[in-house]
Amino acid sequence: MKNKMTICSVCGCPVAKTAKVCPHRGVTRRKSMGALAWVGIIAGSLIAVYMLASIILGSTSTQNGAEPAASVAQVTDEPQVDGLFPATQDCGKWNITVTGTTFAKEELLETSDDSRLLAVKTTVINNGKKADYFVLPIGGTITCSVRYKDYKYEHTWLTSVENTVNGQQLNPLEKASGVLLFSIPETVIKDVEEPLYLVFTAGKNTAEFRIRDNRIR
């Protein structure tokens, strides 16, 4: 015969399983919750805590987190110079097309007080037999710079700008478009009588683009 007795959840004394009132204390017995009920309560509590944490962290990230990457194409403010672009040349295995230049806004892209960022809009095609990187920060099979008189300004590597073309790995015959950035002193920018050149070098091969022409106004 199965045991018909149990323990009262209120006073701890033996009582019949079918009794609704404890004969020892005269109190109504509380029914114990099943295992599935406890699992449901615990799961619901965890979900509520997770949702609350997501809301709090999301709000903090919006207020204190990093700003989304800037796009030079969306923040340019300089007019294009007619007569120079587009211009296309080959430099080794790279086919390079320069489509325009502009200066990025100072308040968005951090530079020194006496310099501004020159953005050169470029499209490149890898005509080689293997995948390769276009203009790496150090080394690589092709380099670029801006020439002003006898001065040379190397390209500027900024991870905060999303649409740069430098550093991209291109498969054979693959094309990419973006900007190349250069930190240029204000004195050079204001010297409009002197032309600027964008120079690419790949081994013994060189491609030179005139990106500011003193003959064009």
N, C-alpha and C. Protein backbone atom coordinates (compact mmCIF):
# COMPACT_ATOMS: atom_id res chain seq x y z
N MET A 1 0.85 -1.19 0.00
CA MET A 1 0.00 0.00 0.00
C MET A 1 0.89 1.24 0.00
N LYS A 2 0.52 2.15 -0.87
CA LYS A 2 1.33 3.34 -0.99
C LYS A 2 1.15 4.22 0.23
N ASN A 3 2.17 4.97 0.57
CA ASN A 3 2.13 5.86 1.71
C ASN A 3 1.16 6.99 1.42
N LYS A 4 0.15 7.16 2.28
CA LYS A 4 -0.86 8.18 2.08
C LYS A 4 -0.60 9.41 2.92
N MET A 5 0.55 9.42 3.62
CA MET A 5 0.88 10.55 4.47
C MET A 5 1.93 11.43 3.81
N THR A 6 1.98 12.70 4.20
CA THR A 6 2.99 13.63 3.74
C THR A 6 3.32 14.58 4.88
N ILE A 7 4.14 15.54 4.65
CA ILE A 7 4.55 16.51 5.66
C ILE A 7 3.85 17.84 5.37
N CYS A 8 3.25 18.45 6.39
CA CYS A 8 2.61 19.75 6.21
C CYS A 8 3.67 20.79 5.90
N SER A 9 3.45 21.55 4.84
CA SER A 9 4.42 22.56 4.43
C SER A 9 4.42 23.78 5.35
N VAL A 10 3.43 23.87 6.26
CA VAL A 10 3.34 25.02 7.15
C VAL A 10 4.02 24.73 8.49
N CYS A 11 3.62 23.55 9.13
CA CYS A 11 4.15 23.26 10.46
C CYS A 11 5.13 22.10 10.50
N GLY A 12 5.21 21.31 9.41
CA GLY A 12 6.16 20.22 9.34
C GLY A 12 5.69 18.93 9.98
N CYS A 13 4.42 18.83 10.42
CA CYS A 13 3.90 17.62 11.05
C CYS A 13 3.32 16.68 9.99
N PRO A 14 3.24 15.36 10.30
CA PRO A 14 2.64 14.43 9.36
C PRO A 14 1.17 14.74 9.16
N VAL A 15 0.69 14.63 7.92
CA VAL A 15 -0.70 14.91 7.60
C VAL A 15 -1.06 14.10 6.36
N ALA A 16 -2.34 13.74 6.24
CA ALA A 16 -2.80 12.98 5.08
C ALA A 16 -2.63 13.82 3.81
N LYS A 17 -2.27 13.13 2.72
CA LYS A 17 -2.06 13.84 1.46
C LYS A 17 -3.32 14.52 0.97
N THR A 18 -4.50 13.96 1.33
CA THR A 18 -5.76 14.52 0.83
C THR A 18 -6.31 15.63 1.71
N ALA A 19 -5.67 15.87 2.88
CA ALA A 19 -6.19 16.87 3.81
C ALA A 19 -5.94 18.27 3.29
N LYS A 20 -6.99 19.10 3.33
CA LYS A 20 -6.85 20.48 2.93
C LYS A 20 -6.48 21.38 4.10
N VAL A 21 -6.78 20.90 5.36
CA VAL A 21 -6.47 21.66 6.56
C VAL A 21 -5.61 20.80 7.47
N CYS A 22 -4.55 21.35 8.03
CA CYS A 22 -3.66 20.61 8.92
C CYS A 22 -4.37 20.36 10.24
N PRO A 23 -4.51 19.07 10.69
CA PRO A 23 -5.20 18.78 11.96
C PRO A 23 -4.41 19.25 13.17
N HIS A 24 -3.15 19.52 13.03
CA HIS A 24 -2.32 19.92 14.16
C HIS A 24 -2.42 21.41 14.43
N ARG A 25 -2.45 22.21 13.37
CA ARG A 25 -2.46 23.67 13.51
C ARG A 25 -3.75 24.31 13.03
N GLY A 26 -4.52 23.56 12.28
CA GLY A 26 -5.78 24.11 11.77
C GLY A 26 -5.62 25.14 10.70
N VAL A 27 -4.47 25.12 9.98
CA VAL A 27 -4.23 26.09 8.92
C VAL A 27 -4.37 25.41 7.58
N THR A 28 -4.70 26.20 6.58
CA THR A 28 -4.82 25.67 5.22
C THR A 28 -3.44 25.35 4.68
N ARG A 29 -3.28 24.16 4.13
CA ARG A 29 -1.98 23.75 3.60
C ARG A 29 -1.70 24.42 2.27
N ARG A 30 -0.45 24.80 2.06
CA ARG A 30 -0.03 25.36 0.79
C ARG A 30 0.45 24.24 -0.12
N LYS A 31 -0.01 24.27 -1.34
CA LYS A 31 0.45 23.26 -2.29
C LYS A 31 1.84 23.62 -2.78
N SER A 32 2.73 22.65 -2.79
CA SER A 32 4.10 22.89 -3.27
C SER A 32 4.10 23.01 -4.78
N MET A 33 4.94 23.83 -5.27
CA MET A 33 5.03 24.06 -6.72
C MET A 33 5.82 22.94 -7.37
N GLY A 34 5.38 22.54 -8.53
CA GLY A 34 6.08 21.48 -9.26
C GLY A 34 7.38 21.97 -9.85
N ALA A 35 8.19 21.01 -10.29
CA ALA A 35 9.50 21.35 -10.87
C ALA A 35 9.37 22.20 -12.11
N LEU A 36 8.36 21.90 -12.96
CA LEU A 36 8.19 22.66 -14.20
C LEU A 36 7.84 24.11 -13.91
N ALA A 37 7.05 24.32 -12.84
CA ALA A 37 6.69 25.70 -12.48
C ALA A 37 7.92 26.49 -12.07
N TRP A 38 8.80 25.85 -11.27
CA TRP A 38 10.03 26.53 -10.86
C TRP A 38 10.92 26.85 -12.07
N VAL A 39 11.00 25.91 -13.01
CA VAL A 39 11.81 26.14 -14.22
C VAL A 39 11.27 27.33 -15.00
N GLY A 40 9.94 27.42 -15.10
CA GLY A 40 9.34 28.54 -15.82
C GLY A 40 9.64 29.87 -15.17
N ILE A 41 9.56 29.90 -13.82
CA ILE A 41 9.84 31.15 -13.10
C ILE A 41 11.29 31.58 -13.29
N ILE A 42 12.21 30.62 -13.15
CA ILE A 42 13.63 30.93 -13.30
C ILE A 42 13.94 31.42 -14.71
N ALA A 43 13.39 30.72 -15.72
CA ALA A 43 13.64 31.11 -17.12
C ALA A 43 13.10 32.50 -17.40
N GLY A 44 11.89 32.78 -16.90
CA GLY A 44 11.31 34.10 -17.11
C GLY A 44 12.13 35.19 -16.46
N SER A 45 12.67 34.92 -15.27
CA SER A 45 13.50 35.91 -14.58
C SER A 45 14.78 36.19 -15.35
N LEU A 46 15.41 35.13 -15.89
CA LEU A 46 16.64 35.31 -16.65
C LEU A 46 16.40 36.13 -17.91
N ILE A 47 15.27 35.87 -18.59
CA ILE A 47 14.96 36.62 -19.81
C ILE A 47 14.75 38.10 -19.48
N ALA A 48 14.04 38.36 -18.38
CA ALA A 48 13.80 39.75 -17.98
C ALA A 48 15.10 40.49 -17.66
N VAL A 49 16.02 39.79 -16.94
CA VAL A 49 17.32 40.41 -16.61
C VAL A 49 18.11 40.69 -17.88
N TYR A 50 18.10 39.75 -18.84
CA TYR A 50 18.84 39.93 -20.09
C TYR A 50 18.31 41.12 -20.89
N MET A 51 16.98 41.24 -20.98
CA MET A 51 16.40 42.35 -21.73
C MET A 51 16.72 43.69 -21.08
N LEU A 52 16.66 43.74 -19.75
CA LEU A 52 16.99 44.98 -19.04
C LEU A 52 18.44 45.37 -19.24
N ALA A 53 19.34 44.37 -19.17
CA ALA A 53 20.77 44.65 -19.38
C ALA A 53 21.03 45.13 -20.79
N SER A 54 20.32 44.57 -21.79
CA SER A 54 20.51 44.99 -23.18
C SER A 54 20.10 46.43 -23.38
N ILE A 55 18.98 46.82 -22.74
CA ILE A 55 18.52 48.21 -22.87
C ILE A 55 19.51 49.17 -22.25
N ILE A 56 20.03 48.82 -21.04
CA ILE A 56 20.97 49.70 -20.35
C ILE A 56 22.27 49.83 -21.12
N LEU A 57 22.82 48.68 -21.58
CA LEU A 57 24.09 48.70 -22.31
C LEU A 57 23.95 49.41 -23.64
N GLY A 58 22.81 49.24 -24.31
CA GLY A 58 22.60 49.91 -25.59
C GLY A 58 22.56 51.41 -25.44
N SER A 59 21.91 51.88 -24.36
CA SER A 59 21.85 53.31 -24.10
C SER A 59 23.22 53.88 -23.80
N THR A 60 24.02 53.13 -22.99
CA THR A 60 25.37 53.59 -22.66
C THR A 60 26.25 53.64 -23.89
N SER A 61 26.12 52.65 -24.78
CA SER A 61 26.94 52.62 -25.99
C SER A 61 26.62 53.79 -26.89
N THR A 62 25.33 54.17 -26.98
CA THR A 62 24.95 55.29 -27.83
C THR A 62 25.53 56.59 -27.32
N GLN A 63 25.58 56.72 -25.95
CA GLN A 63 26.06 57.97 -25.37
C GLN A 63 27.57 58.06 -25.36
N ASN A 64 28.25 56.95 -25.03
CA ASN A 64 29.69 57.00 -24.80
C ASN A 64 30.50 56.22 -25.82
N GLY A 65 29.86 55.46 -26.70
CA GLY A 65 30.59 54.60 -27.62
C GLY A 65 31.21 55.38 -28.75
N ALA A 66 31.99 54.66 -29.58
CA ALA A 66 32.66 55.29 -30.71
C ALA A 66 31.65 55.66 -31.78
N GLU A 67 31.92 56.76 -32.46
CA GLU A 67 31.07 57.18 -33.56
C GLU A 67 31.27 56.25 -34.74
N PRO A 68 30.24 56.09 -35.61
CA PRO A 68 30.42 55.25 -36.80
C PRO A 68 31.51 55.80 -37.70
N ALA A 69 32.12 54.94 -38.48
CA ALA A 69 33.21 55.36 -39.36
C ALA A 69 32.76 56.45 -40.31
N ALA A 70 33.61 57.44 -40.51
CA ALA A 70 33.26 58.55 -41.39
C ALA A 70 33.47 58.17 -42.83
N SER A 71 32.69 58.77 -43.70
CA SER A 71 32.85 58.57 -45.13
C SER A 71 33.22 59.89 -45.76
N VAL A 72 34.41 59.97 -46.35
CA VAL A 72 34.88 61.22 -46.94
C VAL A 72 33.94 61.68 -48.04
N ALA A 73 33.36 60.71 -48.79
CA ALA A 73 32.49 61.06 -49.89
C ALA A 73 31.26 61.83 -49.41
N GLN A 74 30.88 61.68 -48.14
CA GLN A 74 29.69 62.32 -47.62
C GLN A 74 29.98 63.64 -46.92
N VAL A 75 31.23 63.99 -46.72
CA VAL A 75 31.54 65.17 -45.93
C VAL A 75 32.47 66.14 -46.66
N THR A 76 32.57 66.01 -47.95
CA THR A 76 33.47 66.89 -48.69
C THR A 76 32.80 68.23 -48.95
N ASP A 77 33.62 69.26 -49.08
CA ASP A 77 33.06 70.60 -49.24
C ASP A 77 33.80 71.44 -50.28
N GLU A 78 34.71 70.84 -51.03
CA GLU A 78 35.48 71.59 -52.01
C GLU A 78 34.97 71.30 -53.42
N PRO A 79 34.90 72.31 -54.28
CA PRO A 79 34.47 72.08 -55.66
C PRO A 79 35.53 71.29 -56.45
N GLN A 80 35.08 70.53 -57.44
CA GLN A 80 36.00 69.79 -58.28
C GLN A 80 36.63 70.71 -59.32
N VAL A 81 37.84 70.38 -59.74
CA VAL A 81 38.55 71.16 -60.76
C VAL A 81 38.33 70.50 -62.11
N ASP A 82 37.69 71.22 -63.02
CA ASP A 82 37.45 70.68 -64.35
C ASP A 82 38.74 70.66 -65.15
N GLY A 83 38.85 69.71 -66.08
CA GLY A 83 39.99 69.65 -66.97
C GLY A 83 41.07 68.67 -66.57
N LEU A 84 41.04 68.17 -65.32
CA LEU A 84 42.06 67.23 -64.87
C LEU A 84 41.54 65.80 -64.76
N PHE A 85 40.26 65.64 -64.50
CA PHE A 85 39.72 64.32 -64.20
C PHE A 85 38.52 64.01 -65.11
N PRO A 86 38.28 62.72 -65.34
CA PRO A 86 39.06 61.56 -64.88
C PRO A 86 40.34 61.39 -65.69
N ALA A 87 41.31 60.74 -65.04
CA ALA A 87 42.58 60.46 -65.70
C ALA A 87 42.99 59.03 -65.33
N THR A 88 43.45 58.26 -66.31
CA THR A 88 43.78 56.84 -66.09
C THR A 88 45.20 56.54 -66.56
N GLN A 89 45.93 55.79 -65.73
CA GLN A 89 47.27 55.32 -66.10
C GLN A 89 47.48 53.92 -65.52
N ASP A 90 48.45 53.20 -66.09
CA ASP A 90 48.88 51.92 -65.54
C ASP A 90 50.18 52.12 -64.77
N CYS A 91 50.28 51.42 -63.65
CA CYS A 91 51.52 51.40 -62.87
C CYS A 91 51.80 49.95 -62.51
N GLY A 92 52.68 49.32 -63.27
CA GLY A 92 52.89 47.89 -63.10
C GLY A 92 51.62 47.14 -63.44
N LYS A 93 51.18 46.27 -62.55
CA LYS A 93 49.95 45.50 -62.79
C LYS A 93 48.68 46.24 -62.40
N TRP A 94 48.82 47.45 -61.86
CA TRP A 94 47.68 48.20 -61.38
C TRP A 94 47.20 49.20 -62.44
N ASN A 95 45.89 49.18 -62.71
CA ASN A 95 45.26 50.20 -63.54
C ASN A 95 44.59 51.19 -62.61
N ILE A 96 44.99 52.47 -62.69
CA ILE A 96 44.56 53.47 -61.71
C ILE A 96 43.84 54.60 -62.43
N THR A 97 42.66 54.94 -61.92
CA THR A 97 41.89 56.07 -62.43
C THR A 97 41.62 57.05 -61.29
N VAL A 98 42.03 58.30 -61.48
CA VAL A 98 41.76 59.36 -60.51
C VAL A 98 40.57 60.16 -61.02
N THR A 99 39.52 60.26 -60.18
CA THR A 99 38.28 60.90 -60.62
C THR A 99 38.03 62.25 -59.97
N GLY A 100 38.84 62.64 -59.00
CA GLY A 100 38.65 63.95 -58.38
C GLY A 100 39.39 64.08 -57.07
N THR A 101 39.45 65.30 -56.56
CA THR A 101 40.08 65.57 -55.27
C THR A 101 39.18 66.49 -54.45
N THR A 102 39.36 66.45 -53.17
CA THR A 102 38.63 67.33 -52.27
C THR A 102 39.35 67.36 -50.94
N PHE A 103 38.98 68.28 -50.07
CA PHE A 103 39.55 68.35 -48.73
C PHE A 103 38.47 67.97 -47.73
N ALA A 104 38.79 67.02 -46.86
CA ALA A 104 37.84 66.56 -45.84
C ALA A 104 37.65 67.64 -44.79
N LYS A 105 36.46 67.69 -44.19
CA LYS A 105 36.17 68.70 -43.19
C LYS A 105 37.02 68.48 -41.94
N GLU A 106 37.57 69.57 -41.42
CA GLU A 106 38.49 69.48 -40.29
C GLU A 106 37.81 68.97 -39.02
N GLU A 107 36.54 69.36 -38.81
CA GLU A 107 35.90 68.99 -37.55
C GLU A 107 35.58 67.50 -37.49
N LEU A 108 35.60 66.82 -38.64
CA LEU A 108 35.30 65.39 -38.63
C LEU A 108 36.55 64.53 -38.57
N LEU A 109 37.58 64.92 -39.29
CA LEU A 109 38.81 64.14 -39.35
C LEU A 109 39.92 64.92 -38.67
N GLU A 110 40.51 64.31 -37.65
CA GLU A 110 41.49 65.01 -36.83
C GLU A 110 42.83 65.12 -37.54
N THR A 111 43.31 66.33 -37.71
CA THR A 111 44.65 66.59 -38.22
C THR A 111 45.26 67.68 -37.36
N SER A 112 46.52 68.00 -37.61
CA SER A 112 47.13 69.11 -36.88
C SER A 112 46.51 70.43 -37.33
N ASP A 113 46.70 71.46 -36.52
CA ASP A 113 46.05 72.74 -36.79
C ASP A 113 46.48 73.37 -38.11
N ASP A 114 47.71 73.08 -38.55
CA ASP A 114 48.21 73.72 -39.76
C ASP A 114 48.16 72.81 -40.97
N SER A 115 47.35 71.75 -40.93
CA SER A 115 47.24 70.82 -42.05
C SER A 115 45.78 70.46 -42.29
N ARG A 116 45.51 69.98 -43.51
CA ARG A 116 44.19 69.45 -43.84
C ARG A 116 44.37 68.15 -44.60
N LEU A 117 43.30 67.36 -44.60
CA LEU A 117 43.36 66.07 -45.29
C LEU A 117 42.89 66.21 -46.73
N LEU A 118 43.79 65.92 -47.64
CA LEU A 118 43.46 65.87 -49.05
C LEU A 118 42.95 64.48 -49.39
N ALA A 119 41.75 64.39 -49.94
CA ALA A 119 41.18 63.10 -50.34
C ALA A 119 41.18 63.01 -51.86
N VAL A 120 41.85 61.98 -52.38
CA VAL A 120 41.91 61.75 -53.82
C VAL A 120 41.02 60.56 -54.15
N LYS A 121 39.98 60.81 -54.91
CA LYS A 121 39.02 59.76 -55.28
C LYS A 121 39.64 58.89 -56.39
N THR A 122 39.71 57.59 -56.12
CA THR A 122 40.49 56.69 -56.96
C THR A 122 39.74 55.39 -57.22
N THR A 123 39.91 54.86 -58.42
CA THR A 123 39.43 53.51 -58.77
C THR A 123 40.62 52.71 -59.28
N VAL A 124 40.80 51.50 -58.76
CA VAL A 124 41.95 50.68 -59.15
C VAL A 124 41.48 49.29 -59.58
N ILE A 125 42.26 48.70 -60.49
CA ILE A 125 42.01 47.33 -60.96
C ILE A 125 43.32 46.56 -60.86
N ASN A 126 43.27 45.38 -60.30
CA ASN A 126 44.44 44.51 -60.23
C ASN A 126 44.50 43.68 -61.51
N ASN A 127 45.41 44.02 -62.40
CA ASN A 127 45.58 43.27 -63.65
C ASN A 127 46.65 42.18 -63.54
N GLY A 128 47.09 41.90 -62.33
CA GLY A 128 48.09 40.86 -62.13
C GLY A 128 47.48 39.47 -62.13
N LYS A 129 48.33 38.47 -61.97
CA LYS A 129 47.90 37.07 -61.98
C LYS A 129 47.51 36.57 -60.60
N LYS A 130 47.87 37.32 -59.55
CA LYS A 130 47.60 36.89 -58.18
C LYS A 130 46.97 38.03 -57.38
N ALA A 131 46.33 37.66 -56.29
CA ALA A 131 45.76 38.67 -55.39
C ALA A 131 46.87 39.50 -54.77
N ASP A 132 46.59 40.78 -54.53
CA ASP A 132 47.60 41.67 -53.95
C ASP A 132 46.90 42.82 -53.24
N TYR A 133 47.66 43.48 -52.35
CA TYR A 133 47.15 44.62 -51.60
C TYR A 133 47.54 45.92 -52.31
N PHE A 134 46.59 46.87 -52.32
CA PHE A 134 46.86 48.16 -52.95
C PHE A 134 47.24 49.18 -51.88
N VAL A 135 48.48 49.64 -51.92
CA VAL A 135 49.03 50.67 -51.03
C VAL A 135 48.85 50.30 -49.56
N LEU A 136 49.84 49.61 -49.03
CA LEU A 136 49.85 49.25 -47.61
C LEU A 136 50.51 50.36 -46.79
N PRO A 137 50.30 50.38 -45.45
CA PRO A 137 50.95 51.40 -44.62
C PRO A 137 52.46 51.33 -44.70
N ILE A 138 53.00 50.10 -44.74
CA ILE A 138 54.44 49.90 -44.84
C ILE A 138 54.70 48.80 -45.87
N GLY A 139 55.62 49.07 -46.78
CA GLY A 139 55.97 48.05 -47.77
C GLY A 139 54.90 47.92 -48.83
N GLY A 140 54.71 46.68 -49.32
CA GLY A 140 53.75 46.45 -50.38
C GLY A 140 54.38 46.60 -51.75
N THR A 141 53.64 46.20 -52.77
CA THR A 141 54.16 46.23 -54.13
C THR A 141 53.94 47.57 -54.82
N ILE A 142 53.14 48.46 -54.21
CA ILE A 142 52.91 49.77 -54.80
C ILE A 142 52.79 50.80 -53.69
N THR A 143 53.37 51.97 -53.89
CA THR A 143 53.30 53.07 -52.93
C THR A 143 52.75 54.31 -53.62
N CYS A 144 52.32 55.28 -52.83
CA CYS A 144 51.83 56.52 -53.42
C CYS A 144 52.19 57.70 -52.52
N SER A 145 52.27 58.86 -53.11
CA SER A 145 52.59 60.09 -52.37
C SER A 145 52.10 61.28 -53.19
N VAL A 146 52.05 62.45 -52.54
CA VAL A 146 51.74 63.71 -53.21
C VAL A 146 53.01 64.53 -53.27
N ARG A 147 53.32 65.04 -54.46
CA ARG A 147 54.54 65.83 -54.64
C ARG A 147 54.18 67.29 -54.83
N TYR A 148 54.88 68.14 -54.05
CA TYR A 148 54.76 69.59 -54.15
C TYR A 148 56.17 70.15 -54.22
N LYS A 149 56.53 70.74 -55.35
CA LYS A 149 57.90 71.17 -55.60
C LYS A 149 58.85 69.99 -55.35
N ASP A 150 59.78 70.14 -54.40
CA ASP A 150 60.70 69.05 -54.07
C ASP A 150 60.27 68.30 -52.81
N TYR A 151 59.05 68.54 -52.34
CA TYR A 151 58.57 67.90 -51.12
C TYR A 151 57.65 66.73 -51.47
N LYS A 152 57.68 65.73 -50.62
CA LYS A 152 56.86 64.55 -50.84
C LYS A 152 56.05 64.26 -49.57
N TYR A 153 54.75 64.02 -49.73
CA TYR A 153 53.85 63.72 -48.62
C TYR A 153 53.27 62.32 -48.80
N GLU A 154 53.64 61.43 -47.87
CA GLU A 154 53.16 60.06 -47.95
C GLU A 154 51.67 59.99 -47.59
N HIS A 155 51.03 58.92 -48.04
CA HIS A 155 49.59 58.77 -47.77
C HIS A 155 49.36 58.58 -46.27
N THR A 156 48.20 59.03 -45.80
CA THR A 156 47.81 58.96 -44.39
C THR A 156 46.87 57.79 -44.18
N TRP A 157 47.19 56.96 -43.18
CA TRP A 157 46.39 55.77 -42.91
C TRP A 157 45.42 56.07 -41.76
N LEU A 158 44.12 56.11 -42.05
CA LEU A 158 43.11 56.40 -41.03
C LEU A 158 42.08 55.29 -41.00
N THR A 159 41.99 54.57 -39.87
CA THR A 159 41.00 53.51 -39.74
C THR A 159 39.61 54.07 -39.47
N SER A 160 39.50 55.36 -39.14
CA SER A 160 38.21 55.96 -38.84
C SER A 160 37.43 56.33 -40.10
N VAL A 161 38.05 56.19 -41.26
CA VAL A 161 37.39 56.50 -42.53
C VAL A 161 37.11 55.19 -43.25
N GLU A 162 35.86 54.97 -43.60
CA GLU A 162 35.45 53.66 -44.09
C GLU A 162 35.68 53.45 -45.58
N ASN A 163 35.75 54.51 -46.38
CA ASN A 163 35.78 54.31 -47.83
C ASN A 163 37.15 54.61 -48.44
N THR A 164 38.21 54.29 -47.70
CA THR A 164 39.55 54.40 -48.28
C THR A 164 39.84 53.18 -49.15
N VAL A 165 40.61 53.40 -50.20
CA VAL A 165 40.93 52.30 -51.11
C VAL A 165 42.27 51.65 -50.75
N ASN A 166 43.10 52.36 -50.01
CA ASN A 166 44.40 51.80 -49.64
C ASN A 166 44.21 50.66 -48.64
N GLY A 167 45.05 49.63 -48.78
CA GLY A 167 44.99 48.48 -47.89
C GLY A 167 44.03 47.41 -48.32
N GLN A 168 43.28 47.62 -49.40
CA GLN A 168 42.33 46.62 -49.86
C GLN A 168 43.06 45.52 -50.64
N GLN A 169 42.65 44.28 -50.37
CA GLN A 169 43.20 43.15 -51.12
C GLN A 169 42.29 42.88 -52.32
N LEU A 170 42.89 42.88 -53.52
CA LEU A 170 42.12 42.68 -54.74
C LEU A 170 42.59 41.41 -55.44
N ASN A 171 41.64 40.59 -55.85
CA ASN A 171 41.94 39.42 -56.66
C ASN A 171 42.22 39.85 -58.10
N PRO A 172 42.78 38.97 -58.94
CA PRO A 172 43.04 39.33 -60.33
C PRO A 172 41.78 39.85 -61.02
N LEU A 173 41.91 41.00 -61.71
CA LEU A 173 40.86 41.67 -62.46
C LEU A 173 39.75 42.24 -61.56
N GLU A 174 39.96 42.26 -60.26
CA GLU A 174 38.98 42.84 -59.35
C GLU A 174 39.20 44.35 -59.25
N LYS A 175 38.08 45.09 -59.09
CA LYS A 175 38.14 46.55 -59.05
C LYS A 175 37.64 47.06 -57.70
N ALA A 176 38.22 48.16 -57.25
CA ALA A 176 37.78 48.80 -56.00
C ALA A 176 37.85 50.32 -56.17
N SER A 177 36.95 51.01 -55.50
CA SER A 177 36.92 52.47 -55.54
C SER A 177 36.91 53.03 -54.13
N GLY A 178 37.54 54.16 -53.95
CA GLY A 178 37.59 54.80 -52.64
C GLY A 178 38.48 56.02 -52.70
N VAL A 179 38.96 56.46 -51.53
CA VAL A 179 39.81 57.64 -51.48
C VAL A 179 41.18 57.29 -50.91
N LEU A 180 42.16 58.04 -51.33
CA LEU A 180 43.49 58.04 -50.72
C LEU A 180 43.63 59.36 -49.97
N LEU A 181 44.14 59.31 -48.75
CA LEU A 181 44.21 60.49 -47.89
C LEU A 181 45.65 60.94 -47.70
N PHE A 182 45.83 62.26 -47.68
CA PHE A 182 47.15 62.84 -47.47
C PHE A 182 47.01 64.07 -46.57
N SER A 183 47.86 64.16 -45.56
CA SER A 183 47.89 65.33 -44.69
C SER A 183 48.77 66.39 -45.33
N ILE A 184 48.14 67.49 -45.74
CA ILE A 184 48.84 68.53 -46.51
C ILE A 184 48.85 69.83 -45.71
N PRO A 185 50.01 70.49 -45.56
CA PRO A 185 50.06 71.76 -44.83
C PRO A 185 49.24 72.85 -45.51
N GLU A 186 48.71 73.75 -44.69
CA GLU A 186 47.90 74.85 -45.21
C GLU A 186 48.70 75.72 -46.18
N THR A 187 49.99 75.88 -45.92
CA THR A 187 50.81 76.71 -46.81
C THR A 187 50.85 76.13 -48.22
N VAL A 188 50.86 74.79 -48.31
CA VAL A 188 50.85 74.15 -49.63
C VAL A 188 49.49 74.32 -50.29
N ILE A 189 48.43 74.18 -49.51
CA ILE A 189 47.08 74.31 -50.05
C ILE A 189 46.85 75.71 -50.60
N LYS A 190 47.37 76.72 -49.89
CA LYS A 190 47.14 78.11 -50.30
C LYS A 190 48.02 78.52 -51.48
N ASP A 191 49.07 77.78 -51.74
CA ASP A 191 49.96 78.12 -52.86
C ASP A 191 49.38 77.57 -54.17
N VAL A 192 48.30 78.18 -54.61
CA VAL A 192 47.57 77.67 -55.77
C VAL A 192 48.34 77.85 -57.08
N GLU A 193 49.40 78.65 -57.06
CA GLU A 193 50.19 78.84 -58.28
C GLU A 193 51.08 77.63 -58.57
N GLU A 194 51.24 76.76 -57.58
CA GLU A 194 52.14 75.62 -57.75
C GLU A 194 51.30 74.34 -57.91
N PRO A 195 51.55 73.52 -58.93
CA PRO A 195 50.77 72.30 -59.13
C PRO A 195 51.10 71.23 -58.09
N LEU A 196 50.15 70.32 -57.89
CA LEU A 196 50.34 69.14 -57.05
C LEU A 196 50.27 67.90 -57.93
N TYR A 197 51.08 66.90 -57.58
CA TYR A 197 51.10 65.65 -58.34
C TYR A 197 50.87 64.48 -57.40
N LEU A 198 50.07 63.53 -57.86
CA LEU A 198 49.89 62.26 -57.17
C LEU A 198 50.77 61.24 -57.88
N VAL A 199 51.69 60.63 -57.13
CA VAL A 199 52.69 59.75 -57.74
C VAL A 199 52.56 58.34 -57.18
N PHE A 200 52.44 57.35 -58.06
CA PHE A 200 52.44 55.94 -57.70
C PHE A 200 53.73 55.30 -58.19
N THR A 201 54.28 54.41 -57.37
CA THR A 201 55.50 53.71 -57.73
C THR A 201 55.33 52.22 -57.44
N ALA A 202 55.56 51.39 -58.45
CA ALA A 202 55.51 49.93 -58.30
C ALA A 202 56.76 49.36 -58.94
N GLY A 203 57.78 49.08 -58.12
CA GLY A 203 59.06 48.63 -58.66
C GLY A 203 59.70 49.72 -59.49
N LYS A 204 59.94 49.43 -60.77
CA LYS A 204 60.53 50.41 -61.68
C LYS A 204 59.47 51.21 -62.42
N ASN A 205 58.21 50.94 -62.16
CA ASN A 205 57.12 51.62 -62.86
C ASN A 205 56.61 52.80 -62.04
N THR A 206 56.27 53.88 -62.73
CA THR A 206 55.77 55.09 -62.08
C THR A 206 54.58 55.63 -62.86
N ALA A 207 53.58 56.09 -62.14
CA ALA A 207 52.44 56.78 -62.74
C ALA A 207 52.26 58.10 -62.00
N GLU A 208 52.15 59.19 -62.74
CA GLU A 208 52.07 60.53 -62.15
C GLU A 208 50.83 61.25 -62.65
N PHE A 209 50.01 61.71 -61.70
CA PHE A 209 48.80 62.44 -62.03
C PHE A 209 48.91 63.88 -61.54
N ARG A 210 48.57 64.82 -62.39
CA ARG A 210 48.51 66.22 -61.95
C ARG A 210 47.13 66.43 -61.30
N ILE A 211 47.11 66.70 -60.00
CA ILE A 211 45.85 66.83 -59.29
C ILE A 211 45.52 68.29 -58.95
N ARG A 212 46.47 69.20 -59.18
CA ARG A 212 46.18 70.63 -59.13
C ARG A 212 47.03 71.30 -60.18
N ASP A 213 46.39 72.01 -61.04
CA ASP A 213 47.10 72.58 -62.19
C ASP A 213 47.06 74.10 -62.10
N ASN A 214 48.24 74.73 -62.11
CA ASN A 214 48.28 76.18 -62.03
C ASN A 214 47.77 76.86 -63.30
N ARG A 215 47.54 76.06 -64.35
CA ARG A 215 47.03 76.63 -65.60
C ARG A 215 45.51 76.62 -65.65
N ILE A 216 44.87 75.95 -64.71
CA ILE A 216 43.42 75.82 -64.73
C ILE A 216 42.83 76.56 -63.54
N ARG A 217 41.85 77.41 -63.80
CA ARG A 217 41.19 78.14 -62.72
C ARG A 217 39.68 77.92 -62.84
